[in-house]
N, C-alpha and C. Protein backbone atom coordinates (compact mmCIF):
# COMPACT_ATOMS: atom_id res chain seq x y z
N MET A 1 -19.66 166.62 4.15
CA MET A 1 -20.69 166.85 3.32
C MET A 1 -20.65 167.57 2.05
N GLY A 2 -21.27 166.63 0.97
CA GLY A 2 -21.00 167.79 -0.23
C GLY A 2 -21.75 168.84 -0.42
N HIS A 3 -21.37 169.31 -1.76
CA HIS A 3 -21.77 170.85 -2.40
C HIS A 3 -23.45 170.70 -2.19
N GLY A 4 -24.34 171.32 -1.50
CA GLY A 4 -25.76 171.23 -1.93
C GLY A 4 -26.40 170.62 -0.58
N GLU A 5 -25.32 169.66 -0.26
CA GLU A 5 -25.90 168.59 1.41
C GLU A 5 -26.38 169.65 2.13
N ARG A 6 -27.50 169.14 2.94
CA ARG A 6 -27.83 169.84 4.05
C ARG A 6 -27.99 169.06 5.26
N GLU A 7 -27.42 169.63 6.64
CA GLU A 7 -27.41 168.47 7.86
C GLU A 7 -28.87 168.40 8.20
N GLU A 8 -29.89 169.35 7.69
CA GLU A 8 -31.03 169.12 8.46
C GLU A 8 -32.06 169.75 7.76
N ASP A 9 -33.44 169.10 7.66
CA ASP A 9 -34.50 169.13 6.96
C ASP A 9 -34.98 170.18 7.68
N MET A 10 -35.63 171.23 7.39
CA MET A 10 -36.86 172.23 7.81
C MET A 10 -38.06 171.38 7.76
N LYS A 11 -38.61 171.58 8.53
CA LYS A 11 -40.25 171.20 8.82
C LYS A 11 -40.93 172.08 9.38
N VAL A 12 -42.07 172.55 8.89
CA VAL A 12 -43.10 173.02 9.48
C VAL A 12 -44.27 172.65 9.41
N TRP A 13 -45.48 173.33 10.75
CA TRP A 13 -46.61 172.82 10.93
C TRP A 13 -47.53 174.10 11.79
N ILE A 14 -48.80 174.24 11.23
CA ILE A 14 -49.22 175.46 12.23
C ILE A 14 -49.89 174.79 13.11
N ASP A 15 -49.95 175.76 14.27
CA ASP A 15 -50.57 175.56 15.61
C ASP A 15 -51.85 176.33 15.30
N GLN A 16 -53.18 176.11 14.89
CA GLN A 16 -54.16 176.60 14.59
C GLN A 16 -54.95 177.50 16.21
N ASP A 17 -54.30 176.38 17.34
CA ASP A 17 -54.87 177.63 18.85
C ASP A 17 -54.28 178.83 18.30
N ARG A 18 -53.41 179.22 17.74
CA ARG A 18 -52.87 180.30 17.82
C ARG A 18 -53.05 181.62 16.46
N CYS A 19 -53.89 180.64 15.60
CA CYS A 19 -54.07 181.25 13.91
C CYS A 19 -54.77 182.34 14.27
N THR A 20 -54.29 183.14 13.67
CA THR A 20 -55.67 184.45 13.59
C THR A 20 -56.31 184.57 12.38
N GLY A 21 -55.90 183.58 10.95
CA GLY A 21 -56.51 183.79 9.92
C GLY A 21 -55.81 184.94 9.29
N ALA A 22 -55.34 185.44 9.30
CA ALA A 22 -54.81 187.13 8.88
C ALA A 22 -54.36 186.61 7.43
N GLY A 23 -53.65 185.40 6.83
CA GLY A 23 -53.44 185.13 5.74
C GLY A 23 -52.20 185.52 5.18
N LEU A 24 -51.34 186.03 5.93
CA LEU A 24 -49.83 186.40 5.78
C LEU A 24 -49.04 184.91 5.29
N CYS A 25 -48.95 184.41 5.79
CA CYS A 25 -48.68 182.78 5.38
C CYS A 25 -48.46 182.58 4.30
N GLU A 26 -50.04 182.47 3.76
CA GLU A 26 -50.17 182.27 2.24
C GLU A 26 -49.75 182.67 1.26
N LEU A 27 -50.01 184.62 1.49
CA LEU A 27 -49.24 185.62 0.84
C LEU A 27 -47.62 185.13 0.59
N LEU A 28 -47.44 185.32 1.67
CA LEU A 28 -45.59 185.28 1.74
C LEU A 28 -44.84 183.98 1.24
N GLU A 29 -45.68 182.51 1.20
CA GLU A 29 -45.28 181.35 0.48
C GLU A 29 -46.27 179.98 0.30
N PRO A 30 -47.37 180.85 -0.84
CA PRO A 30 -48.51 179.79 -1.26
C PRO A 30 -47.78 178.27 -1.25
N ILE A 31 -46.94 178.12 -1.48
CA ILE A 31 -46.74 176.69 -1.89
C ILE A 31 -46.46 175.73 -0.81
N VAL A 32 -46.34 176.16 0.12
CA VAL A 32 -46.45 175.31 1.56
C VAL A 32 -47.70 175.64 2.44
N PHE A 33 -48.34 177.49 2.55
CA PHE A 33 -49.61 177.56 3.33
C PHE A 33 -50.62 177.99 2.44
N THR A 34 -51.91 177.50 2.93
CA THR A 34 -53.41 178.33 2.56
C THR A 34 -53.90 178.09 3.64
N ILE A 35 -55.02 178.96 3.37
CA ILE A 35 -55.93 179.42 4.24
C ILE A 35 -56.96 178.18 4.14
N GLY A 36 -57.58 177.24 4.84
CA GLY A 36 -58.38 176.42 4.96
C GLY A 36 -59.91 176.88 5.21
N GLU A 37 -60.60 176.10 4.91
CA GLU A 37 -62.17 176.32 4.92
C GLU A 37 -62.99 177.19 6.03
N ASP A 38 -61.81 176.80 7.19
CA ASP A 38 -62.22 177.38 8.58
C ASP A 38 -61.80 179.16 8.44
N GLY A 39 -61.21 179.08 7.65
CA GLY A 39 -60.71 180.41 7.86
C GLY A 39 -58.91 180.68 8.36
N LEU A 40 -58.41 179.17 9.03
CA LEU A 40 -57.33 179.28 9.50
C LEU A 40 -56.56 178.59 8.67
N ALA A 41 -54.90 179.04 8.77
CA ALA A 41 -53.78 178.64 7.93
C ALA A 41 -53.75 176.65 8.22
N VAL A 42 -53.47 176.48 7.30
CA VAL A 42 -52.69 174.84 7.38
C VAL A 42 -51.73 174.59 6.16
N VAL A 43 -50.91 173.79 6.26
CA VAL A 43 -49.62 173.48 5.09
C VAL A 43 -50.24 172.46 4.65
N HIS A 44 -49.88 172.74 2.86
CA HIS A 44 -49.84 171.33 2.07
C HIS A 44 -48.63 171.14 1.45
N ASP A 45 -48.90 169.94 1.12
CA ASP A 45 -47.78 168.89 0.34
C ASP A 45 -47.83 168.71 -1.11
N GLY A 46 -47.75 169.49 -2.13
CA GLY A 46 -48.28 168.87 -2.83
C GLY A 46 -49.36 169.66 -3.20
N ASP A 47 -50.52 168.80 -3.66
CA ASP A 47 -51.81 168.69 -3.82
C ASP A 47 -52.58 168.69 -2.46
N SER A 48 -51.90 167.83 -1.45
CA SER A 48 -52.42 167.30 -0.46
C SER A 48 -52.50 168.57 0.80
N VAL A 49 -53.92 168.94 1.32
CA VAL A 49 -53.71 169.75 2.42
C VAL A 49 -53.57 168.92 3.67
N LEU A 50 -52.72 168.79 4.43
CA LEU A 50 -52.61 168.39 5.91
C LEU A 50 -53.09 168.63 7.10
N PRO A 51 -53.45 168.11 7.92
CA PRO A 51 -54.43 168.45 9.29
C PRO A 51 -53.35 169.54 9.79
N ALA A 52 -53.97 169.63 10.77
CA ALA A 52 -53.41 171.19 11.80
C ALA A 52 -52.57 170.26 12.79
N GLY A 53 -51.53 170.89 13.39
CA GLY A 53 -50.94 170.55 14.46
C GLY A 53 -49.86 169.72 13.96
N PRO A 54 -49.10 168.99 14.91
CA PRO A 54 -47.80 168.10 14.62
C PRO A 54 -48.07 167.16 13.43
N ALA A 55 -49.25 166.64 13.55
CA ALA A 55 -49.89 165.53 12.53
C ALA A 55 -49.68 165.87 11.13
N GLY A 56 -49.96 167.32 11.20
CA GLY A 56 -49.57 168.35 9.46
C GLY A 56 -48.35 168.72 9.35
N THR A 57 -47.50 168.04 9.89
CA THR A 57 -45.79 168.54 9.47
C THR A 57 -45.38 168.18 7.78
N VAL A 58 -45.02 169.04 7.15
CA VAL A 58 -44.55 168.89 6.24
C VAL A 58 -42.89 169.30 5.78
N THR A 59 -42.17 168.79 5.34
CA THR A 59 -40.82 169.31 4.91
C THR A 59 -40.73 170.00 3.63
N VAL A 60 -40.26 171.22 4.02
CA VAL A 60 -39.71 172.49 3.60
C VAL A 60 -38.53 172.19 2.24
N SER A 61 -39.10 172.15 0.93
CA SER A 61 -37.77 172.47 -0.05
C SER A 61 -36.77 173.30 0.33
N PRO A 62 -35.41 173.47 -0.30
CA PRO A 62 -34.55 174.21 0.36
C PRO A 62 -35.17 175.56 -0.52
N GLU A 63 -35.67 175.83 -1.64
CA GLU A 63 -35.72 176.70 -2.39
C GLU A 63 -37.01 177.76 -1.81
N ASN A 64 -37.87 176.95 -0.69
CA ASN A 64 -39.06 177.53 -0.20
C ASN A 64 -38.48 178.13 1.40
N GLU A 65 -37.24 177.83 1.82
CA GLU A 65 -36.78 177.94 3.53
C GLU A 65 -37.41 179.36 3.90
N ARG A 66 -36.68 179.93 2.69
CA ARG A 66 -36.55 181.96 3.36
C ARG A 66 -37.81 182.40 3.31
N GLN A 67 -38.65 181.57 2.25
CA GLN A 67 -40.05 182.39 2.50
C GLN A 67 -40.87 181.79 3.75
N VAL A 68 -41.09 180.45 3.97
CA VAL A 68 -41.28 180.12 4.97
C VAL A 68 -40.47 180.98 6.67
N LEU A 69 -39.65 181.15 6.47
CA LEU A 69 -38.82 181.65 7.81
C LEU A 69 -39.79 183.33 8.23
N GLU A 70 -39.74 183.72 6.51
CA GLU A 70 -40.38 184.90 6.46
C GLU A 70 -41.61 185.01 6.99
N ALA A 71 -42.48 183.93 6.66
CA ALA A 71 -43.91 184.40 7.09
C ALA A 71 -43.77 183.68 8.64
N SER A 72 -43.09 183.03 8.98
CA SER A 72 -43.32 182.63 10.50
C SER A 72 -42.73 184.17 11.24
N GLN A 73 -41.83 184.84 10.64
CA GLN A 73 -41.75 186.19 11.23
C GLN A 73 -42.96 186.84 10.91
N ALA A 74 -43.41 186.64 10.00
CA ALA A 74 -44.25 187.95 9.66
C ALA A 74 -45.91 187.83 10.92
N CYS A 75 -45.84 186.24 11.03
CA CYS A 75 -47.16 185.80 11.61
C CYS A 75 -47.89 186.77 12.72
N PRO A 76 -48.92 187.10 12.85
CA PRO A 76 -49.47 187.77 13.96
C PRO A 76 -49.75 186.88 14.95
N GLY A 77 -50.08 185.79 14.80
CA GLY A 77 -50.88 185.06 16.03
C GLY A 77 -49.50 183.77 16.13
N ARG A 78 -48.29 184.06 15.44
CA ARG A 78 -47.10 183.30 15.85
C ARG A 78 -47.59 181.67 15.71
N CYS A 79 -48.23 181.56 14.97
CA CYS A 79 -48.66 179.87 15.00
C CYS A 79 -47.60 179.00 14.02
N ILE A 80 -46.56 179.30 13.30
CA ILE A 80 -45.89 178.53 12.59
C ILE A 80 -45.14 178.05 13.50
N ARG A 81 -44.75 176.79 13.24
CA ARG A 81 -44.19 175.85 14.13
C ARG A 81 -43.02 175.32 13.04
N ILE A 82 -41.55 175.76 13.07
CA ILE A 82 -40.63 175.19 12.53
C ILE A 82 -39.51 174.44 13.40
N ASP A 83 -39.50 173.10 12.82
CA ASP A 83 -38.71 172.09 13.50
C ASP A 83 -37.37 171.62 12.35
N SER A 84 -35.75 171.43 12.64
CA SER A 84 -35.08 170.52 12.63
C SER A 84 -34.94 169.18 12.68
N GLU A 85 -34.43 168.41 11.61
CA GLU A 85 -33.98 167.09 12.22
C GLU A 85 -32.78 167.22 12.64
């Protein structure tokens, strides 16, 4: 594997059944997370807000992975789901 290549891409989605709407995810990583009109967290991919649940999974860019992990750990509802391929 060459320099800068990764074995696995980090993917993230929100389990809205567990979301408390605290907004820490958006505060820590606004590039990936936002609070939707219903007051619950969702992920976005560029300008597109994705649906809640596994259907709304987004690939996290390498430069945002640390912040996504921090948001996941800070989330009071533990609703941020991180997957690797």
